[in-house]
């Protein structure tokens, strides 16, 4: 079977069947349930396993997982197009299941880091290949956005339930029950995909042996739509990362009530599970009216900026935090599916190469945003100027997004500019 034939059959097979969408939804739910069950206690687990060996191993282990989950698919680029979608996606979650399930047993810190690198590699391959599958199989932005929105609901359903599982299973300090359940989650993610992903179809290769070819990099530099998407997408990811770094630190330090802290941190996940479908429908209508994915990504950035400004300007603090987290949740419901949709809509390079570019932007924004949120925010907060951080970030996001995301639009239905 030629590659062209395989690609044609993939598109034909995914244009209608609901069982494939169901398989992808369940796959993302079980994978996210495993991920968000391990995240709340991973630092504690590493600290316990490396006790007496230096505190630096905890940060090193977390870095190993984060970097691997973000970038491993780029390192494995030359092999990804040689395996089928089913092999890549199922193999990825099986590798994560094996690595997480083995985590309680090594006693050497470097072995723990090695397992976390393997776990992150499985996650990176799985999610990269799944996005390429949607980009190749679904031919319109609205259809892709609907599926990526389903992924968003599944991920946040896992994020809601995971911390409860973590607290229930790790209470006694023995990590084996916890990691066994996490491995089972990833095994279930693989099991539900086997009947849903069609056989014999492979991701298209990149234009060269490198994950991002020189031709792609030239497009990023020379093509306005591409470099603007890169900047707007990376900026949005940077601001998004504040919720899990600066905002989490702010809530933990400035609000004494455990119930208030829990509610503020849980609002985005709960909102997405309940309201993502409604927001997706509204975004779909905007796309039909002519808004481009880049413009809609810009809308999300503006909402992120508004959340930052509310944190910096609103008083009292609890009111500002409550309003900010509601606006942030709405922004995430637009931003997260649209990040994948916007990059999938690019007509430069193969879809695998485009998703590599997305992953570079996402990883850069996540890492730099977490660094700023965990260091610069704390520096200003401890000096009594935490509000300055939020206001400056909100203003910078507005100033960078407005001239880049709203420069052009598609014609409206009547042929008039939207």
Protein backbone atom coordinates (compact mmCIF):
# COMPACT_ATOMS: atom_id res chain seq x y z
CA UNK A 1 0.00 0.00 0.00
CA UNK A 2 1.47 3.38 -0.95
CA UNK A 3 1.63 6.25 1.49
CA UNK A 4 -0.76 8.29 -0.64
CA UNK A 5 -3.32 5.49 -0.65
CA UNK A 6 -2.99 5.09 3.10
CA UNK A 7 -3.56 8.79 3.65
CA UNK A 8 -6.60 8.79 1.39
CA UNK A 9 -8.08 5.82 3.22
CA UNK A 10 -7.43 7.44 6.58
CA UNK A 11 -9.33 10.54 5.56
CA UNK A 12 -12.21 8.49 4.22
CA UNK A 13 -12.43 6.30 7.30
CA UNK A 14 -12.43 9.16 9.79
CA UNK A 15 -14.84 11.51 8.11
CA UNK A 16 -17.91 9.89 9.68
CA UNK A 17 -17.54 7.08 12.23
CA UNK A 18 -18.49 8.02 15.76
CA UNK A 19 -16.72 5.02 17.27
CA UNK A 20 -13.37 6.59 16.39
CA UNK A 21 -14.25 9.84 18.13
CA UNK A 22 -15.46 7.82 21.11
CA UNK A 23 -12.22 5.84 21.19
CA UNK A 24 -10.16 9.04 21.12
CA UNK A 25 -12.31 10.60 23.85
CA UNK A 26 -11.94 7.59 26.16
CA UNK A 27 -8.23 7.34 25.36
CA UNK A 28 -7.67 10.97 26.38
CA UNK A 29 -9.81 10.53 29.49
CA UNK A 30 -7.95 7.50 30.81
CA UNK A 31 -4.55 8.95 29.88
CA UNK A 32 -5.37 12.25 31.60
CA UNK A 33 -6.76 10.43 34.64
CA UNK A 34 -3.42 8.67 34.99
CA UNK A 35 -1.46 11.88 34.45
CA UNK A 36 -3.45 14.01 36.90
CA UNK A 37 -3.40 11.23 39.47
CA UNK A 38 0.40 11.16 39.49
CA UNK A 39 0.99 14.93 39.20
CA UNK A 40 -0.28 15.98 42.67
CA UNK A 41 2.07 13.55 44.44
CA UNK A 42 4.98 13.08 42.02
CA UNK A 43 7.17 15.62 43.82
CA UNK A 44 6.36 14.01 47.19
CA UNK A 45 7.10 10.57 45.80
CA UNK A 46 10.45 11.68 44.40
CA UNK A 47 11.33 13.42 47.67
CA UNK A 48 10.61 10.22 49.61
CA UNK A 49 12.53 8.00 47.18
CA UNK A 50 15.59 10.29 47.13
CA UNK A 51 15.61 11.19 50.83
CA UNK A 52 19.15 11.86 51.99
CA UNK A 53 20.49 12.12 48.44
CA UNK A 54 20.02 15.86 47.98
CA UNK A 55 16.93 17.97 47.26
CA UNK A 56 18.08 18.64 43.71
CA UNK A 57 16.86 15.23 42.57
CA UNK A 58 13.21 16.23 43.01
CA UNK A 59 13.54 19.16 40.60
CA UNK A 60 15.68 17.06 38.28
CA UNK A 61 13.07 14.32 38.14
CA UNK A 62 10.24 16.76 37.44
CA UNK A 63 12.32 18.42 34.74
CA UNK A 64 13.10 15.05 33.15
CA UNK A 65 9.41 14.24 32.82
CA UNK A 66 8.35 17.70 31.64
CA UNK A 67 11.09 18.03 29.03
CA UNK A 68 10.56 14.49 27.78
CA UNK A 69 6.77 14.90 27.52
CA UNK A 70 7.28 18.11 25.58
CA UNK A 71 10.10 17.28 23.19
CA UNK A 72 10.62 13.51 22.82
CA UNK A 73 8.48 13.27 19.69
CA UNK A 74 10.83 15.73 17.98
CA UNK A 75 13.84 13.57 18.85
CA UNK A 76 12.05 10.50 17.45
CA UNK A 77 10.86 12.35 14.35
CA UNK A 78 12.62 10.17 11.76
CA UNK A 79 10.88 7.05 13.12
CA UNK A 80 7.37 8.38 13.76
CA UNK A 81 6.21 8.23 10.14
CA UNK A 82 7.41 4.62 9.85
CA UNK A 83 4.91 3.29 12.39
CA UNK A 84 1.15 3.32 12.00
CA UNK A 85 -1.16 5.59 13.94
CA UNK A 86 -2.37 2.65 15.99
CA UNK A 87 1.16 1.45 16.80
CA UNK A 88 2.37 4.92 17.74
CA UNK A 89 -0.60 5.83 19.91
CA UNK A 90 -1.05 2.48 21.66
CA UNK A 91 2.70 1.95 21.98
CA UNK A 92 3.08 5.39 23.57
CA UNK A 93 0.58 4.76 26.37
CA UNK A 94 1.94 1.26 26.97
CA UNK A 95 5.43 2.73 27.43
CA UNK A 96 4.02 5.24 29.94
CA UNK A 97 2.15 2.45 31.76
CA UNK A 98 5.35 0.40 32.05
CA UNK A 99 7.44 3.36 33.24
CA UNK A 100 4.97 4.66 35.82
CA UNK A 101 4.18 1.15 37.06
CA UNK A 102 7.90 0.53 37.64
CA UNK A 103 8.52 3.83 39.44
CA UNK A 104 8.16 2.50 43.04
CA UNK A 105 10.95 -0.05 42.69
CA UNK A 106 14.31 1.61 41.76
CA UNK A 107 16.36 3.04 44.60
CA UNK A 108 18.86 5.04 42.55
CA UNK A 109 17.88 8.62 41.59
CA UNK A 110 19.20 8.28 38.03
CA UNK A 111 16.99 5.21 37.53
CA UNK A 112 13.93 7.16 38.67
CA UNK A 113 14.82 9.95 36.23
CA UNK A 114 15.25 7.37 33.46
CA UNK A 115 11.76 5.98 34.09
CA UNK A 116 10.28 9.48 34.07
CA UNK A 117 11.97 10.15 30.73
CA UNK A 118 10.41 6.95 29.34
CA UNK A 119 7.00 7.93 30.73
CA UNK A 120 7.26 11.37 29.14
CA UNK A 121 8.39 9.85 25.85
CA UNK A 122 5.26 7.72 25.70
CA UNK A 123 3.06 10.72 26.42
CA UNK A 124 4.84 12.88 23.82
CA UNK A 125 4.58 10.29 21.04
CA UNK A 126 0.97 9.48 21.82
CA UNK A 127 -0.35 13.03 21.80
CA UNK A 128 1.71 14.14 18.82
CA UNK A 129 0.53 11.23 16.68
CA UNK A 130 -3.10 11.71 17.75
CA UNK A 131 -3.04 15.37 16.70
CA UNK A 132 -1.49 14.45 13.36
CA UNK A 133 -4.25 11.89 12.85
CA UNK A 134 -6.93 14.55 13.32
CA UNK A 135 -5.07 17.06 11.13
CA UNK A 136 -4.82 14.51 8.31
CA UNK A 137 -8.25 12.92 8.60
CA UNK A 138 -10.51 15.92 9.16
CA UNK A 139 -10.43 18.39 6.32
CA UNK A 140 -12.00 21.52 7.85
CA UNK A 141 -11.08 23.72 10.81
CA UNK A 142 -14.53 23.53 12.40
CA UNK A 143 -14.52 19.72 12.38
CA UNK A 144 -11.01 19.61 13.83
CA UNK A 145 -11.96 22.11 16.51
CA UNK A 146 -14.91 19.97 17.60
CA UNK A 147 -12.68 16.94 18.07
CA UNK A 148 -9.95 18.90 19.85
CA UNK A 149 -12.69 20.30 22.12
CA UNK A 150 -13.74 16.74 22.96
CA UNK A 151 -10.13 16.10 23.94
CA UNK A 152 -10.28 19.16 26.19
CA UNK A 153 -13.37 17.83 27.98
CA UNK A 154 -11.75 14.42 28.45
CA UNK A 155 -8.52 15.94 29.79
CA UNK A 156 -10.31 18.09 32.34
CA UNK A 157 -12.58 15.24 33.45
CA UNK A 158 -9.36 13.40 34.29
CA UNK A 159 -8.01 16.54 35.99
CA UNK A 160 -11.11 16.69 38.21
CA UNK A 161 -10.92 13.07 39.39
CA UNK A 162 -7.14 12.55 39.48
CA UNK A 163 -6.30 14.48 42.68
CA UNK A 164 -8.98 12.57 44.62
CA UNK A 165 -7.48 9.26 43.48
CA UNK A 166 -4.00 10.49 44.37
CA UNK A 167 -5.00 11.49 47.91
CA UNK A 168 -6.88 8.23 48.46
CA UNK A 169 -4.12 5.96 47.18
CA UNK A 170 -1.01 7.67 48.53
CA UNK A 171 -2.15 8.39 52.06
CA UNK A 172 0.04 5.71 53.64
CA UNK A 173 3.22 6.66 51.80
CA UNK A 174 3.43 3.36 49.90
CA UNK A 175 3.54 4.33 46.18
CA UNK A 176 2.80 0.84 44.81
CA UNK A 177 -1.05 1.00 44.91
CA UNK A 178 -0.99 4.49 43.41
CA UNK A 179 1.38 3.66 40.57
CA UNK A 180 -0.44 0.40 39.84
CA UNK A 181 -3.69 2.31 39.32
CA UNK A 182 -1.89 4.89 37.18
CA UNK A 183 -0.39 2.14 35.01
CA UNK A 184 -3.87 0.61 34.71
CA UNK A 185 -5.24 3.97 33.49
CA UNK A 186 -2.68 4.03 30.69
CA UNK A 187 -3.38 0.39 29.84
CA UNK A 188 -7.08 1.22 29.53
CA UNK A 189 -6.19 4.17 27.29
CA UNK A 190 -4.39 1.74 24.98
CA UNK A 191 -7.15 -0.85 25.13
CA UNK A 192 -9.93 1.51 24.01
CA UNK A 193 -7.89 2.63 21.00
CA UNK A 194 -7.21 -0.81 19.54
CA UNK A 195 -10.67 -1.26 17.98
CA UNK A 196 -11.09 2.44 17.17
CA UNK A 197 -7.94 3.36 15.21
CA UNK A 198 -7.89 1.99 11.64
CA UNK A 199 -5.03 -0.24 10.58
CA UNK A 200 -2.51 0.47 7.85
CA UNK A 201 -2.28 4.25 8.08
CA UNK A 202 0.85 6.20 8.94
CA UNK A 203 1.66 9.83 9.71
CA UNK A 204 3.11 11.70 6.73
CA UNK A 205 6.89 12.20 6.93
CA UNK A 206 8.46 15.59 7.51
CA UNK A 207 10.23 17.16 4.55
CA UNK A 208 13.65 16.18 5.93
CA UNK A 209 15.32 14.18 8.66
CA UNK A 210 15.03 17.05 11.13
CA UNK A 211 11.71 17.56 12.97
CA UNK A 212 11.62 21.14 11.69
CA UNK A 213 13.19 21.51 8.28
CA UNK A 214 14.93 24.61 6.97
CA UNK A 215 11.94 25.14 4.70
CA UNK A 216 9.62 25.22 7.71
CA UNK A 217 11.91 27.59 9.59
CA UNK A 218 12.00 29.87 6.53
CA UNK A 219 8.20 29.89 6.57
CA UNK A 220 8.22 30.86 10.24
CA UNK A 221 10.52 33.79 9.50
CA UNK A 222 9.11 34.96 6.16
CA UNK A 223 5.39 34.14 6.18
CA UNK A 224 3.31 36.59 8.20
CA UNK A 225 0.50 34.18 9.08
CA UNK A 226 2.97 31.57 10.36
CA UNK A 227 5.21 33.75 12.51
CA UNK A 228 2.23 35.60 13.94
CA UNK A 229 0.66 32.28 14.93
CA UNK A 230 3.94 31.20 16.53
CA UNK A 231 4.15 34.41 18.57
CA UNK A 232 0.48 34.53 19.57
CA UNK A 233 0.41 30.81 20.41
CA UNK A 234 3.61 30.91 22.47
CA UNK A 235 2.44 34.03 24.31
CA UNK A 236 -0.91 32.42 25.13
CA UNK A 237 0.89 29.35 26.46
CA UNK A 238 3.15 31.56 28.58
CA UNK A 239 0.15 33.24 30.20
CA UNK A 240 -1.72 29.95 30.55
CA UNK A 241 1.23 28.54 32.50
CA UNK A 242 0.70 31.23 35.16
CA UNK A 243 -2.34 29.41 36.52
CA UNK A 244 -0.29 26.39 37.53
CA UNK A 245 2.70 28.40 38.76
CA UNK A 246 2.15 32.01 39.91
CA UNK A 247 -1.59 31.73 40.57
CA UNK A 248 -1.22 28.44 42.47
CA UNK A 249 1.49 30.04 44.62
CA UNK A 250 -0.61 33.16 45.13
CA UNK A 251 -3.65 31.14 46.24
CA UNK A 252 -1.56 28.93 48.50
CA UNK A 253 0.12 31.87 50.24
CA UNK A 254 -2.61 34.49 50.46
CA UNK A 255 -5.79 32.49 51.20
CA UNK A 256 -5.93 30.64 54.51
CA UNK A 257 -9.10 28.64 53.85
CA UNK A 258 -8.40 25.25 52.32
CA UNK A 259 -11.90 25.19 50.84
CA UNK A 260 -11.37 28.52 49.10
CA UNK A 261 -8.04 27.37 47.70
CA UNK A 262 -9.55 24.14 46.40
CA UNK A 263 -12.49 25.89 44.76
CA UNK A 264 -10.33 28.50 43.05
CA UNK A 265 -8.00 25.87 41.62
CA UNK A 266 -10.84 23.52 40.59
CA UNK A 267 -13.01 26.07 38.76
CA UNK A 268 -11.33 25.76 35.32
CA UNK A 269 -11.53 21.94 35.22
CA UNK A 270 -15.16 21.85 36.39
CA UNK A 271 -16.16 24.67 34.02
CA UNK A 272 -14.58 22.95 31.04
CA UNK A 273 -16.34 19.66 31.69
CA UNK A 274 -19.70 21.43 32.05
CA UNK A 275 -19.44 24.24 29.49
CA UNK A 276 -16.86 23.26 26.84
CA UNK A 277 -19.54 22.02 24.44
CA UNK A 278 -21.39 25.34 24.65
CA UNK A 279 -18.22 27.35 24.05
CA UNK A 280 -17.22 25.06 21.17
CA UNK A 281 -20.59 25.67 19.52
CA UNK A 282 -20.13 29.42 19.83
CA UNK A 283 -16.60 29.26 18.45
CA UNK A 284 -17.87 27.16 15.54
CA UNK A 285 -20.38 29.88 14.67
CA UNK A 286 -17.62 32.49 14.74
CA UNK A 287 -15.52 30.37 12.39
CA UNK A 288 -18.47 30.00 10.01
CA UNK A 289 -18.84 33.78 10.10
CA UNK A 290 -15.25 34.18 8.93
CA UNK A 291 -13.04 34.41 11.99
CA UNK A 292 -9.74 32.65 11.42
CA UNK A 293 -8.15 30.29 13.96
CA UNK A 294 -5.45 32.92 14.58
CA UNK A 295 -8.09 35.54 15.38
CA UNK A 296 -9.85 33.20 17.78
CA UNK A 297 -6.55 32.38 19.43
CA UNK A 298 -6.14 36.13 19.82
CA UNK A 299 -9.54 36.33 21.55
CA UNK A 300 -8.32 33.73 24.04
CA UNK A 301 -5.18 35.78 24.70
CA UNK A 302 -7.29 38.87 25.37
CA UNK A 303 -9.33 36.90 27.91
CA UNK A 304 -6.11 35.68 29.54
CA UNK A 305 -4.97 39.31 29.72
CA UNK A 306 -8.26 40.33 31.32
CA UNK A 307 -7.81 37.64 33.98
CA UNK A 308 -4.33 38.93 34.76
CA UNK A 309 -5.60 42.51 35.04
CA UNK A 310 -8.40 41.42 37.37
CA UNK A 311 -5.82 39.84 39.67
CA UNK A 312 -3.79 43.05 39.65
CA UNK A 313 -6.52 45.66 39.87
CA UNK A 314 -9.61 44.17 41.51
CA UNK A 315 -10.30 44.60 45.22
CA UNK A 316 -10.95 42.85 47.53
CA UNK A 317 -8.48 40.11 46.67
CA UNK A 318 -10.96 37.23 46.90
CA UNK A 319 -13.33 38.93 44.47
CA UNK A 320 -10.50 39.58 42.03
CA UNK A 321 -9.28 35.99 42.25
CA UNK A 322 -12.80 34.60 41.79
CA UNK A 323 -13.52 36.79 38.75
CA UNK A 324 -10.09 36.11 37.30
CA UNK A 325 -10.44 32.34 37.53
CA UNK A 326 -13.84 32.45 35.78
CA UNK A 327 -12.41 34.53 32.92
CA UNK A 328 -9.34 32.28 32.81
CA UNK A 329 -11.56 29.19 32.48
CA UNK A 330 -13.41 30.78 29.55
CA UNK A 331 -10.10 31.68 27.91
CA UNK A 332 -8.84 28.12 28.32
CA UNK A 333 -12.00 26.73 26.70
CA UNK A 334 -11.23 28.80 23.60
CA UNK A 335 -7.44 28.59 23.68
CA UNK A 336 -6.68 24.90 24.30
CA UNK A 337 -8.62 23.39 21.35
CA UNK A 338 -7.74 26.33 19.10
CA UNK A 339 -3.99 25.86 19.62
CA UNK A 340 -4.20 22.50 17.88
CA UNK A 341 -6.79 23.72 15.36
CA UNK A 342 -4.73 26.77 14.36
CA UNK A 343 -1.53 24.82 13.75
CA UNK A 344 -3.41 22.04 11.94
CA UNK A 345 -4.80 24.68 9.56
CA UNK A 346 -1.33 25.72 8.37
CA UNK A 347 -0.60 24.75 4.77
CA UNK A 348 3.15 24.56 5.07
CA UNK A 349 5.13 21.33 5.50
CA UNK A 350 3.54 18.04 6.54
CA UNK A 351 1.03 17.81 9.37
CA UNK A 352 3.64 15.98 11.46
CA UNK A 353 6.07 18.86 11.00
CA UNK A 354 3.36 21.40 11.82
CA UNK A 355 2.56 19.56 15.05
CA UNK A 356 6.26 19.55 15.91
CA UNK A 357 6.18 23.34 15.51
CA UNK A 358 3.16 23.52 17.79
CA UNK A 359 4.94 21.41 20.37
CA UNK A 360 8.00 23.66 20.31
CA UNK A 361 5.77 26.70 20.91
CA UNK A 362 3.84 24.92 23.66
CA UNK A 363 6.96 23.68 25.43
CA UNK A 364 8.69 27.08 25.21
CA UNK A 365 5.64 28.89 26.57
CA UNK A 366 5.06 26.35 29.34
CA UNK A 367 8.64 26.26 30.53
CA UNK A 368 9.26 30.03 30.38
CA UNK A 369 5.85 30.78 31.88
CA UNK A 370 6.43 28.37 34.76
CA UNK A 371 9.89 29.83 35.31
CA UNK A 372 8.53 33.38 35.48
CA UNK A 373 5.57 32.35 37.61
CA UNK A 374 7.74 30.43 40.03
CA UNK A 375 10.54 32.96 40.35
CA UNK A 376 9.75 36.51 39.22
CA UNK A 377 6.25 36.43 40.71
CA UNK A 378 7.57 35.19 44.06
CA UNK A 379 10.26 37.88 44.03
CA UNK A 380 7.67 40.63 43.53
CA UNK A 381 5.11 39.01 45.82
CA UNK A 382 7.55 38.76 48.72
CA UNK A 383 8.46 42.41 48.16
CA UNK A 384 4.78 43.36 48.46
CA UNK A 385 4.39 44.08 44.73
CA UNK A 386 2.63 40.97 43.50
CA UNK A 387 -0.09 43.03 41.85
CA UNK A 388 2.54 44.64 39.63
CA UNK A 389 3.32 41.22 38.14
CA UNK A 390 -0.30 40.62 37.12
CA UNK A 391 -0.82 44.11 35.70
CA UNK A 392 2.44 44.05 33.73
CA UNK A 393 1.65 40.61 32.30
CA UNK A 394 -1.87 41.66 31.33
CA UNK A 395 -0.71 44.85 29.61
CA UNK A 396 2.10 43.08 27.75
CA UNK A 397 -0.31 40.37 26.55
CA UNK A 398 -2.72 42.99 25.24
CA UNK A 399 0.03 44.99 23.57
CA UNK A 400 1.49 41.96 21.80
CA UNK A 401 -1.78 40.28 20.80
CA UNK A 402 -3.78 43.17 19.38
CA UNK A 403 -1.49 44.03 16.42
CA UNK A 404 -0.71 40.39 15.57
CA UNK A 405 -3.95 38.41 15.86
CA UNK A 406 -6.43 40.74 14.19
CA UNK A 407 -4.63 41.85 11.06
CA UNK A 408 -6.67 39.80 8.61
CA UNK A 409 -9.90 37.83 8.46
CA UNK A 410 -11.57 35.45 6.10
CA UNK A 411 -14.41 36.71 3.93
CA UNK A 412 -17.82 36.36 5.57
CA UNK A 413 -20.57 34.17 4.13
CA UNK A 414 -21.78 36.92 1.87
CA UNK A 415 -18.34 37.60 0.47
CA UNK A 416 -17.84 40.69 2.57
CA UNK A 417 -14.97 41.14 5.00
CA UNK A 418 -16.01 40.00 8.43
